[in-house]
Amino acid sequence: MKFHNKPTEDLEAMLVLSRKQDEKIIIGDSITLMVVSIQGDKVRLGIDAPKHVTIHREEVYRAIQNERTDAPADPSRTGT
């Protein structure tokens, strides 16, 4: 396993771990990531997490965030 601190725009440092197929990464006490398969430049991950934990691919998460900021304000909350 390799540990690197990699500066990013959003984070001060990113932990980078190397894993082979069928190896796992444990996050906290309740989240497990497993490398299910590696085919060329694609890695398939299996994620075992509690139901209350929301998990999205980055592009889906960003689309949801954009939708929230682009959505018109709820008139029932404006007090008019």
Protein backbone atom coordinates (compact mmCIF):
# COMPACT_ATOMS: atom_id res chain seq x y z
CA MET A 1 0.00 0.00 0.00
CA LYS A 2 1.34 3.45 -0.90
CA PHE A 3 0.50 6.69 0.87
CA HIS A 4 0.89 10.00 -0.94
CA ASN A 5 -0.20 13.48 -0.07
CA LYS A 6 -1.38 15.04 -3.30
CA PRO A 7 -2.56 18.68 -3.23
CA THR A 8 -5.88 19.25 -4.99
CA GLU A 9 -8.08 22.26 -5.59
CA ASP A 10 -10.80 21.08 -3.19
CA LEU A 11 -8.69 19.39 -0.52
CA GLU A 12 -5.51 20.24 1.33
CA ALA A 13 -4.20 16.71 0.75
CA MET A 14 -5.51 13.50 -0.76
CA LEU A 15 -4.62 10.05 0.51
CA VAL A 16 -3.78 7.85 -2.50
CA LEU A 17 -3.83 4.09 -1.97
CA SER A 18 -2.84 1.32 -4.37
CA ARG A 19 -5.05 -1.76 -4.43
CA LYS A 20 -5.23 -4.88 -6.61
CA GLN A 21 -8.36 -6.66 -7.75
CA ASP A 22 -10.40 -8.06 -4.83
CA GLU A 23 -8.53 -5.93 -2.29
CA LYS A 24 -10.45 -3.58 -0.01
CA ILE A 25 -10.22 -0.19 1.65
CA ILE A 26 -12.08 0.40 4.91
CA ILE A 27 -13.41 3.90 5.68
CA GLY A 28 -14.40 4.46 9.27
CA ASP A 29 -16.31 1.60 10.86
CA SER A 30 -19.04 1.16 8.28
CA ILE A 31 -17.82 1.75 4.70
CA THR A 32 -15.86 -0.75 2.60
CA LEU A 33 -14.60 -0.16 -0.94
CA MET A 34 -13.48 -3.18 -2.96
CA VAL A 35 -11.76 -3.27 -6.34
CA VAL A 36 -14.14 -5.64 -8.16
CA SER A 37 -12.37 -5.64 -11.53
CA ILE A 38 -9.78 -3.82 -13.60
CA GLN A 39 -10.18 -3.79 -17.37
CA GLY A 40 -7.83 -1.51 -19.29
CA ASP A 41 -8.28 2.01 -17.95
CA LYS A 42 -11.52 1.20 -16.06
CA VAL A 43 -11.73 0.14 -12.45
CA ARG A 44 -15.00 -1.23 -11.06
CA LEU A 45 -15.53 -0.57 -7.37
CA GLY A 46 -17.93 -2.26 -5.00
CA ILE A 47 -19.13 -0.09 -2.14
CA ASP A 48 -20.67 -1.46 1.04
CA ALA A 49 -22.09 1.37 3.13
CA PRO A 50 -25.08 2.03 5.38
CA LYS A 51 -28.28 3.04 3.59
CA HIS A 52 -28.16 6.56 5.06
CA VAL A 53 -24.85 7.25 3.28
CA THR A 54 -25.41 8.87 -0.12
CA ILE A 55 -23.02 7.70 -2.84
CA HIS A 56 -22.75 9.24 -6.32
CA ARG A 57 -20.26 9.30 -9.16
CA GLU A 58 -18.68 12.75 -9.28
CA GLU A 59 -20.47 13.84 -12.47
CA VAL A 60 -23.85 12.85 -11.01
CA TYR A 61 -23.11 14.66 -7.75
CA ARG A 62 -22.10 17.84 -9.61
CA ALA A 63 -25.26 17.68 -11.76
CA ILE A 64 -27.38 17.39 -8.60
CA GLN A 65 -25.57 20.34 -7.04
CA ASN A 66 -26.02 22.42 -10.22
CA GLU A 67 -29.71 21.53 -10.29
CA ARG A 68 -30.08 22.74 -6.71
CA THR A 69 -28.38 26.07 -7.38
CA ASP A 70 -30.21 26.60 -10.69
CA ALA A 71 -33.64 25.69 -9.30
CA PRO A 72 -35.99 28.62 -8.68
CA ALA A 73 -36.66 29.46 -5.06
CA ASP A 74 -39.65 27.74 -3.47
CA PRO A 75 -42.37 30.44 -3.33
CA SER A 76 -43.87 28.88 -0.20
CA ARG A 77 -40.65 29.69 1.67
CA THR A 78 -40.42 33.35 0.64
CA GLY A 79 -43.24 34.44 2.91
CA THR A 80 -45.21 36.05 0.06
